[in-house]
Amino acid sequence: MLKKARKKSIGKVVHYYDKIGVAILELASPLKVGDAVLFQHGEQEFTQTVDSLQVDHEGIKKAKKGQVVGLKVGEPVKEGTVVLPA
């Protein structure tokens, strides 16, 4: 039996705005526009490409470890959802 390689977490969802489909992420690793990410919460998961990032309503191209950023997501996510490289 093969084990899945454990990927290092990029961060986690700390809040989700359902009306606008935006997740607030607390980053444990850098993240930039164009990166492919995997959202994972229990058995639920989906991947998407980072199309835009915001800090304090200002668009940015890349974010550093420790920053809290807003990210438009294609599917609803829950607080505590882990974000991994896809």
PDB file of N, CA and C in Angstrom:
ATOM      1  N   MET A   1       0.839  -1.176   0.000  1.00  0.00           N
ATOM      2  CA  MET A   1       0.000   0.000   0.000  1.00  0.00           C
ATOM      3  C   MET A   1       0.888   1.246   0.000  1.00  0.00           C
ATOM      4  N   LEU A   2       0.607   2.158  -0.906  1.00  0.00           N
ATOM      5  CA  LEU A   2       1.380   3.390  -0.996  1.00  0.00           C
ATOM      6  C   LEU A   2       0.738   4.488  -0.170  1.00  0.00           C
ATOM      7  N   LYS A   3       1.546   5.217   0.540  1.00  0.00           N
ATOM      8  CA  LYS A   3       1.042   6.359   1.296  1.00  0.00           C
ATOM      9  C   LYS A   3       1.147   7.604   0.436  1.00  0.00           C
ATOM     10  N   LYS A   4       0.177   8.487   0.578  1.00  0.00           N
ATOM     11  CA  LYS A   4       0.252   9.765  -0.129  1.00  0.00           C
ATOM     12  C   LYS A   4       1.385  10.584   0.465  1.00  0.00           C
ATOM     13  N   ALA A   5       2.142  11.219  -0.395  1.00  0.00           N
ATOM     14  CA  ALA A   5       3.198  12.103   0.101  1.00  0.00           C
ATOM     15  C   ALA A   5       2.533  13.275   0.812  1.00  0.00           C
ATOM     16  N   ARG A   6       2.984  13.581   1.990  1.00  0.00           N
ATOM     17  CA  ARG A   6       2.395  14.666   2.777  1.00  0.00           C
ATOM     18  C   ARG A   6       2.945  15.986   2.267  1.00  0.00           C
ATOM     19  N   LYS A   7       2.057  16.862   1.830  1.00  0.00           N
ATOM     20  CA  LYS A   7       2.468  18.170   1.334  1.00  0.00           C
ATOM     21  C   LYS A   7       2.450  19.171   2.475  1.00  0.00           C
ATOM     22  N   LYS A   8       3.357  20.123   2.417  1.00  0.00           N
ATOM     23  CA  LYS A   8       3.426  21.151   3.446  1.00  0.00           C
ATOM     24  C   LYS A   8       2.286  22.148   3.249  1.00  0.00           C
ATOM     25  N   SER A   9       1.584  22.436   4.318  1.00  0.00           N
ATOM     26  CA  SER A   9       0.448  23.354   4.271  1.00  0.00           C
ATOM     27  C   SER A   9       0.881  24.766   3.882  1.00  0.00           C
ATOM     28  N   ILE A  10       0.087  25.383   3.008  1.00  0.00           N
ATOM     29  CA  ILE A  10       0.304  26.788   2.659  1.00  0.00           C
ATOM     30  C   ILE A  10      -0.352  27.672   3.709  1.00  0.00           C
ATOM     31  N   GLY A  11      -1.433  27.175   4.284  1.00  0.00           N
ATOM     32  CA  GLY A  11      -2.151  27.941   5.294  1.00  0.00           C
ATOM     33  C   GLY A  11      -3.494  27.318   5.592  1.00  0.00           C
ATOM     34  N   LYS A  12      -4.354  28.118   6.245  1.00  0.00           N
ATOM     35  CA  LYS A  12      -5.689  27.618   6.560  1.00  0.00           C
ATOM     36  C   LYS A  12      -6.698  28.747   6.448  1.00  0.00           C
ATOM     37  N   VAL A  13      -7.945  28.349   6.237  1.00  0.00           N
ATOM     38  CA  VAL A  13      -9.040  29.306   6.141  1.00  0.00           C
ATOM     39  C   VAL A  13      -9.428  29.732   7.556  1.00  0.00           C
ATOM     40  N   VAL A  14      -9.419  31.045   7.809  1.00  0.00           N
ATOM     41  CA  VAL A  14      -9.825  31.551   9.118  1.00  0.00           C
ATOM     42  C   VAL A  14     -11.205  32.200   9.067  1.00  0.00           C
ATOM     43  N   HIS A  15     -11.700  32.502   7.862  1.00  0.00           N
ATOM     44  CA  HIS A  15     -13.051  33.040   7.704  1.00  0.00           C
ATOM     45  C   HIS A  15     -13.483  32.863   6.254  1.00  0.00           C
ATOM     46  N   TYR A  16     -14.796  32.793   6.053  1.00  0.00           N
ATOM     47  CA  TYR A  16     -15.333  32.675   4.695  1.00  0.00           C
ATOM     48  C   TYR A  16     -16.533  33.598   4.558  1.00  0.00           C
ATOM     49  N   TYR A  17     -16.498  34.450   3.540  1.00  0.00           N
ATOM     50  CA  TYR A  17     -17.610  35.344   3.231  1.00  0.00           C
ATOM     51  C   TYR A  17     -18.437  34.687   2.135  1.00  0.00           C
ATOM     52  N   ASP A  18     -19.557  34.065   2.528  1.00  0.00           N
ATOM     53  CA  ASP A  18     -20.326  33.283   1.559  1.00  0.00           C
ATOM     54  C   ASP A  18     -20.999  34.125   0.488  1.00  0.00           C
ATOM     55  N   LYS A  19     -21.428  35.337   0.802  1.00  0.00           N
ATOM     56  CA  LYS A  19     -22.121  36.163  -0.198  1.00  0.00           C
ATOM     57  C   LYS A  19     -21.213  36.563  -1.354  1.00  0.00           C
ATOM     58  N   ILE A  20     -19.933  36.736  -1.082  1.00  0.00           N
ATOM     59  CA  ILE A  20     -19.000  37.151  -2.135  1.00  0.00           C
ATOM     60  C   ILE A  20     -18.017  36.047  -2.529  1.00  0.00           C
ATOM     61  N   GLY A  21     -18.084  34.893  -1.852  1.00  0.00           N
ATOM     62  CA  GLY A  21     -17.229  33.756  -2.201  1.00  0.00           C
ATOM     63  C   GLY A  21     -15.753  34.008  -1.973  1.00  0.00           C
ATOM     64  N   VAL A  22     -15.435  34.655  -0.845  1.00  0.00           N
ATOM     65  CA  VAL A  22     -14.038  34.975  -0.534  1.00  0.00           C
ATOM     66  C   VAL A  22     -13.624  34.286   0.761  1.00  0.00           C
ATOM     67  N   ALA A  23     -12.485  33.597   0.707  1.00  0.00           N
ATOM     68  CA  ALA A  23     -11.898  32.965   1.884  1.00  0.00           C
ATOM     69  C   ALA A  23     -10.773  33.848   2.406  1.00  0.00           C
ATOM     70  N   ILE A  24     -10.693  33.971   3.723  1.00  0.00           N
ATOM     71  CA  ILE A  24      -9.584  34.669   4.368  1.00  0.00           C
ATOM     72  C   ILE A  24      -8.618  33.594   4.855  1.00  0.00           C
ATOM     73  N   LEU A  25      -7.387  33.680   4.368  1.00  0.00           N
ATOM     74  CA  LEU A  25      -6.372  32.678   4.684  1.00  0.00           C
ATOM     75  C   LEU A  25      -5.280  33.261   5.559  1.00  0.00           C
ATOM     76  N   GLU A  26      -4.851  32.469   6.540  1.00  0.00           N
ATOM     77  CA  GLU A  26      -3.665  32.797   7.329  1.00  0.00           C
ATOM     78  C   GLU A  26      -2.557  31.927   6.758  1.00  0.00           C
ATOM     79  N   LEU A  27      -1.534  32.564   6.199  1.00  0.00           N
ATOM     80  CA  LEU A  27      -0.509  31.829   5.450  1.00  0.00           C
ATOM     81  C   LEU A  27       0.622  31.295   6.327  1.00  0.00           C
ATOM     82  N   ALA A  28       0.977  30.033   6.084  1.00  0.00           N
ATOM     83  CA  ALA A  28       2.124  29.401   6.733  1.00  0.00           C
ATOM     84  C   ALA A  28       3.305  29.335   5.769  1.00  0.00           C
ATOM     85  N   SER A  29       3.043  29.626   4.496  1.00  0.00           N
ATOM     86  CA  SER A  29       4.053  29.636   3.432  1.00  0.00           C
ATOM     87  C   SER A  29       3.691  30.735   2.444  1.00  0.00           C
ATOM     88  N   PRO A  30       4.648  31.196   1.648  1.00  0.00           N
ATOM     89  CA  PRO A  30       4.334  32.211   0.631  1.00  0.00           C
ATOM     90  C   PRO A  30       3.319  31.688  -0.390  1.00  0.00           C
ATOM     91  N   LEU A  31       2.569  32.609  -0.982  1.00  0.00           N
ATOM     92  CA  LEU A  31       1.566  32.282  -1.995  1.00  0.00           C
ATOM     93  C   LEU A  31       1.558  33.393  -3.026  1.00  0.00           C
ATOM     94  N   LYS A  32       1.396  33.029  -4.308  1.00  0.00           N
ATOM     95  CA  LYS A  32       1.379  34.064  -5.344  1.00  0.00           C
ATOM     96  C   LYS A  32       0.298  33.775  -6.372  1.00  0.00           C
ATOM     97  N   VAL A  33      -0.094  34.805  -7.087  1.00  0.00           N
ATOM     98  CA  VAL A  33      -1.062  34.664  -8.165  1.00  0.00           C
ATOM     99  C   VAL A  33      -0.492  33.676  -9.184  1.00  0.00           C
ATOM    100  N   GLY A  34      -1.324  32.745  -9.639  1.00  0.00           N
ATOM    101  CA  GLY A  34      -0.895  31.720 -10.585  1.00  0.00           C
ATOM    102  C   GLY A  34      -0.625  30.373  -9.936  1.00  0.00           C
ATOM    103  N   ASP A  35      -0.428  30.351  -8.602  1.00  0.00           N
ATOM    104  CA  ASP A  35      -0.206  29.085  -7.900  1.00  0.00           C
ATOM    105  C   ASP A  35      -1.469  28.224  -7.943  1.00  0.00           C
ATOM    106  N   ALA A  36      -1.295  26.924  -8.039  1.00  0.00           N
ATOM    107  CA  ALA A  36      -2.410  25.977  -7.933  1.00  0.00           C
ATOM    108  C   ALA A  36      -2.484  25.515  -6.484  1.00  0.00           C
ATOM    109  N   VAL A  37      -3.684  25.564  -5.902  1.00  0.00           N
ATOM    110  CA  VAL A  37      -3.854  25.193  -4.500  1.00  0.00           C
ATOM    111  C   VAL A  37      -4.962  24.155  -4.351  1.00  0.00           C
ATOM    112  N   LEU A  38      -4.853  23.381  -3.288  1.00  0.00           N
ATOM    113  CA  LEU A  38      -5.828  22.356  -2.941  1.00  0.00           C
ATOM    114  C   LEU A  38      -6.444  22.737  -1.600  1.00  0.00           C
ATOM    115  N   PHE A  39      -7.767  22.841  -1.569  1.00  0.00           N
ATOM    116  CA  PHE A  39      -8.492  23.098  -0.327  1.00  0.00           C
ATOM    117  C   PHE A  39      -8.981  21.753   0.184  1.00  0.00           C
ATOM    118  N   GLN A  40      -8.689  21.433   1.452  1.00  0.00           N
ATOM    119  CA  GLN A  40      -9.018  20.123   1.995  1.00  0.00           C
ATOM    120  C   GLN A  40      -9.613  20.265   3.396  1.00  0.00           C
ATOM    121  N   HIS A  41     -10.830  19.711   3.562  1.00  0.00           N
ATOM    122  CA  HIS A  41     -11.503  19.719   4.865  1.00  0.00           C
ATOM    123  C   HIS A  41     -12.222  18.388   5.003  1.00  0.00           C
ATOM    124  N   GLY A  42     -11.681  17.493   5.811  1.00  0.00           N
ATOM    125  CA  GLY A  42     -12.242  16.149   5.915  1.00  0.00           C
ATOM    126  C   GLY A  42     -12.118  15.436   4.580  1.00  0.00           C
ATOM    127  N   GLU A  43     -13.230  14.892   4.098  1.00  0.00           N
ATOM    128  CA  GLU A  43     -13.232  14.200   2.810  1.00  0.00           C
ATOM    129  C   GLU A  43     -13.462  15.154   1.640  1.00  0.00           C
ATOM    130  N   GLN A  44     -13.844  16.390   1.930  1.00  0.00           N
ATOM    131  CA  GLN A  44     -14.104  17.360   0.873  1.00  0.00           C
ATOM    132  C   GLN A  44     -12.805  18.023   0.441  1.00  0.00           C
ATOM    133  N   GLU A  45     -12.625  18.114  -0.874  1.00  0.00           N
ATOM    134  CA  GLU A  45     -11.457  18.824  -1.394  1.00  0.00           C
ATOM    135  C   GLU A  45     -11.718  19.290  -2.815  1.00  0.00           C
ATOM    136  N   PHE A  46     -11.050  20.365  -3.193  1.00  0.00           N
ATOM    137  CA  PHE A  46     -11.086  20.852  -4.570  1.00  0.00           C
ATOM    138  C   PHE A  46      -9.824  21.661  -4.824  1.00  0.00           C
ATOM    139  N   THR A  47      -9.470  21.771  -6.095  1.00  0.00           N
ATOM    140  CA  THR A  47      -8.289  22.543  -6.472  1.00  0.00           C
ATOM    141  C   THR A  47      -8.705  23.743  -7.304  1.00  0.00           C
ATOM    142  N   GLN A  48      -7.879  24.757  -7.269  1.00  0.00           N
ATOM    143  CA  GLN A  48      -8.089  25.925  -8.115  1.00  0.00           C
ATOM    144  C   GLN A  48      -6.780  26.687  -8.240  1.00  0.00           C
ATOM    145  N   THR A  49      -6.739  27.565  -9.229  1.00  0.00           N
ATOM    146  CA  THR A  49      -5.595  28.444  -9.433  1.00  0.00           C
ATOM    147  C   THR A  49      -5.886  29.764  -8.738  1.00  0.00           C
ATOM    148  N   VAL A  50      -4.873  30.329  -8.102  1.00  0.00           N
ATOM    149  CA  VAL A  50      -5.022  31.631  -7.449  1.00  0.00           C
ATOM    150  C   VAL A  50      -5.077  32.696  -8.540  1.00  0.00           C
ATOM    151  N   ASP A  51      -6.249  33.312  -8.702  1.00  0.00           N
ATOM    152  CA  ASP A  51      -6.422  34.352  -9.720  1.00  0.00           C
ATOM    153  C   ASP A  51      -6.121  35.742  -9.181  1.00  0.00           C
ATOM    154  N   SER A  52      -6.376  35.933  -7.881  1.00  0.00           N
ATOM    155  CA  SER A  52      -6.092  37.236  -7.271  1.00  0.00           C
ATOM    156  C   SER A  52      -5.942  37.063  -5.771  1.00  0.00           C
ATOM    157  N   LEU A  53      -5.155  37.941  -5.187  1.00  0.00           N
ATOM    158  CA  LEU A  53      -4.952  37.993  -3.741  1.00  0.00           C
ATOM    159  C   LEU A  53      -5.177  39.422  -3.291  1.00  0.00           C
ATOM    160  N   GLN A  54      -5.717  39.582  -2.084  1.00  0.00           N
ATOM    161  CA  GLN A  54      -5.896  40.925  -1.543  1.00  0.00           C
ATOM    162  C   GLN A  54      -5.466  40.970  -0.087  1.00  0.00           C
ATOM    163  N   VAL A  55      -4.912  42.109   0.288  1.00  0.00           N
ATOM    164  CA  VAL A  55      -4.618  42.435   1.676  1.00  0.00           C
ATOM    165  C   VAL A  55      -5.224  43.807   1.912  1.00  0.00           C
ATOM    166  N   ASP A  56      -6.112  43.910   2.888  1.00  0.00           N
ATOM    167  CA  ASP A  56      -6.802  45.177   3.179  1.00  0.00           C
ATOM    168  C   ASP A  56      -7.434  45.775   1.922  1.00  0.00           C
ATOM    169  N   HIS A  57      -8.103  44.940   1.138  1.00  0.00           N
ATOM    170  CA  HIS A  57      -8.831  45.340  -0.082  1.00  0.00           C
ATOM    171  C   HIS A  57      -7.929  45.856  -1.198  1.00  0.00           C
ATOM    172  N   GLU A  58      -6.632  45.633  -1.103  1.00  0.00           N
ATOM    173  CA  GLU A  58      -5.686  46.034  -2.146  1.00  0.00           C
ATOM    174  C   GLU A  58      -5.148  44.779  -2.822  1.00  0.00           C
ATOM    175  N   GLY A  59      -5.204  44.744  -4.148  1.00  0.00           N
ATOM    176  CA  GLY A  59      -4.687  43.603  -4.889  1.00  0.00           C
ATOM    177  C   GLY A  59      -3.176  43.494  -4.773  1.00  0.00           C
ATOM    178  N   ILE A  60      -2.688  42.270  -4.580  1.00  0.00           N
ATOM    179  CA  ILE A  60      -1.246  42.016  -4.516  1.00  0.00           C
ATOM    180  C   ILE A  60      -0.930  40.820  -5.417  1.00  0.00           C
ATOM    181  N   LYS A  61       0.323  40.695  -5.826  1.00  0.00           N
ATOM    182  CA  LYS A  61       0.753  39.588  -6.692  1.00  0.00           C
ATOM    183  C   LYS A  61       1.275  38.402  -5.886  1.00  0.00           C
ATOM    184  N   LYS A  62       1.879  38.684  -4.726  1.00  0.00           N
ATOM    185  CA  LYS A  62       2.390  37.608  -3.886  1.00  0.00           C
ATOM    186  C   LYS A  62       2.274  38.001  -2.422  1.00  0.00           C
ATOM    187  N   ALA A  63       2.141  36.977  -1.584  1.00  0.00           N
ATOM    188  CA  ALA A  63       1.996  37.190  -0.147  1.00  0.00           C
ATOM    189  C   ALA A  63       3.056  36.373   0.580  1.00  0.00           C
ATOM    190  N   LYS A  64       3.462  36.881   1.727  1.00  0.00           N
ATOM    191  CA  LYS A  64       4.512  36.240   2.512  1.00  0.00           C
ATOM    192  C   LYS A  64       3.920  35.374   3.620  1.00  0.00           C
ATOM    193  N   LYS A  65       4.738  34.479   4.119  1.00  0.00           N
ATOM    194  CA  LYS A  65       4.380  33.664   5.275  1.00  0.00           C
ATOM    195  C   LYS A  65       3.937  34.595   6.407  1.00  0.00           C
ATOM    196  N   GLY A  66       2.850  34.247   7.070  1.00  0.00           N
ATOM    197  CA  GLY A  66       2.363  35.031   8.198  1.00  0.00           C
ATOM    198  C   GLY A  66       1.307  36.064   7.835  1.00  0.00           C
ATOM    199  N   GLN A  67       1.182  36.393   6.546  1.00  0.00           N
ATOM    200  CA  GLN A  67       0.179  37.371   6.136  1.00  0.00           C
ATOM    201  C   GLN A  67      -1.215  36.752   6.160  1.00  0.00           C
ATOM    202  N   VAL A  68      -2.212  37.606   6.325  1.00  0.00           N
ATOM    203  CA  VAL A  68      -3.612  37.210   6.225  1.00  0.00           C
ATOM    204  C   VAL A  68      -4.133  37.830   4.941  1.00  0.00           C
ATOM    205  N   VAL A  69      -4.630  36.981   4.026  1.00  0.00           N
ATOM    206  CA  VAL A  69      -5.024  37.442   2.694  1.00  0.00           C
ATOM    207  C   VAL A  69      -6.438  36.992   2.352  1.00  0.00           C
ATOM    208  N   GLY A  70      -7.052  37.724   1.429  1.00  0.00           N
ATOM    209  CA  GLY A  70      -8.345  37.344   0.884  1.00  0.00           C
ATOM    210  C   GLY A  70      -8.142  36.683  -0.463  1.00  0.00           C
ATOM    211  N   LEU A  71      -8.902  35.624  -0.716  1.00  0.00           N
ATOM    212  CA  LEU A  71      -8.789  34.862  -1.957  1.00  0.00           C
ATOM    213  C   LEU A  71     -10.182  34.468  -2.424  1.00  0.00           C
ATOM    214  N   LYS A  72     -10.529  34.827  -3.648  1.00  0.00           N
ATOM    215  CA  LYS A  72     -11.808  34.423  -4.243  1.00  0.00           C
ATOM    216  C   LYS A  72     -11.743  32.925  -4.511  1.00  0.00           C
ATOM    217  N   VAL A  73     -12.752  32.181  -4.025  1.00  0.00           N
ATOM    218  CA  VAL A  73     -12.759  30.730  -4.195  1.00  0.00           C
ATOM    219  C   VAL A  73     -13.950  30.288  -5.040  1.00  0.00           C
ATOM    220  N   GLY A  74     -13.760  29.183  -5.754  1.00  0.00           N
ATOM    221  CA  GLY A  74     -14.777  28.672  -6.661  1.00  0.00           C
ATOM    222  C   GLY A  74     -15.861  27.856  -5.982  1.00  0.00           C
ATOM    223  N   GLU A  75     -15.609  27.424  -4.749  1.00  0.00           N
ATOM    224  CA  GLU A  75     -16.571  26.628  -3.994  1.00  0.00           C
ATOM    225  C   GLU A  75     -16.570  27.113  -2.550  1.00  0.00           C
ATOM    226  N   PRO A  76     -17.687  26.917  -1.835  1.00  0.00           N
ATOM    227  CA  PRO A  76     -17.713  27.308  -0.421  1.00  0.00           C
ATOM    228  C   PRO A  76     -16.674  26.520   0.382  1.00  0.00           C
ATOM    229  N   VAL A  77     -16.067  27.174   1.358  1.00  0.00           N
ATOM    230  CA  VAL A  77     -15.100  26.527   2.248  1.00  0.00           C
ATOM    231  C   VAL A  77     -15.481  26.819   3.693  1.00  0.00           C
ATOM    232  N   LYS A  78     -15.001  25.982   4.598  1.00  0.00           N
ATOM    233  CA  LYS A  78     -15.283  26.159   6.018  1.00  0.00           C
ATOM    234  C   LYS A  78     -14.039  26.658   6.731  1.00  0.00           C
ATOM    235  N   GLU A  79     -14.269  27.345   7.858  1.00  0.00           N
ATOM    236  CA  GLU A  79     -13.137  27.753   8.690  1.00  0.00           C
ATOM    237  C   GLU A  79     -12.385  26.496   9.106  1.00  0.00           C
ATOM    238  N   GLY A  80     -11.069  26.574   9.089  1.00  0.00           N
ATOM    239  CA  GLY A  80     -10.240  25.424   9.436  1.00  0.00           C
ATOM    240  C   GLY A  80      -9.820  24.592   8.234  1.00  0.00           C
ATOM    241  N   THR A  81     -10.376  24.892   7.051  1.00  0.00           N
ATOM    242  CA  THR A  81      -9.979  24.182   5.837  1.00  0.00           C
ATOM    243  C   THR A  81      -8.490  24.402   5.594  1.00  0.00           C
ATOM    244  N   VAL A  82      -7.772  23.330   5.320  1.00  0.00           N
ATOM    245  CA  VAL A  82      -6.330  23.401   5.075  1.00  0.00           C
ATOM    246  C   VAL A  82      -6.092  23.694   3.594  1.00  0.00           C
ATOM    247  N   VAL A  83      -5.114  24.550   3.321  1.00  0.00           N
ATOM    248  CA  VAL A  83      -4.746  24.896   1.948  1.00  0.00           C
ATOM    249  C   VAL A  83      -3.355  24.323   1.681  1.00  0.00           C
ATOM    250  N   LEU A  84      -3.265  23.507   0.624  1.00  0.00           N
ATOM    251  CA  LEU A  84      -2.021  22.821   0.267  1.00  0.00           C
ATOM    252  C   LEU A  84      -1.650  23.138  -1.171  1.00  0.00           C
ATOM    253  N   PRO A  85      -0.382  22.934  -1.546  1.00  0.00           N
ATOM    254  CA  PRO A  85      -0.029  23.060  -2.966  1.00  0.00           C
ATOM    255  C   PRO A  85      -0.731  21.948  -3.748  1.00  0.00           C
ATOM    256  N   ALA A  86      -1.206  22.257  -4.940  1.00  0.00           N
ATOM    257  CA  ALA A  86      -1.900  21.240  -5.755  1.00  0.00           C
ATOM    258  C   ALA A  86      -0.911  20.516  -6.653  1.00  0.00           C
TER     259      ALA A  86
END
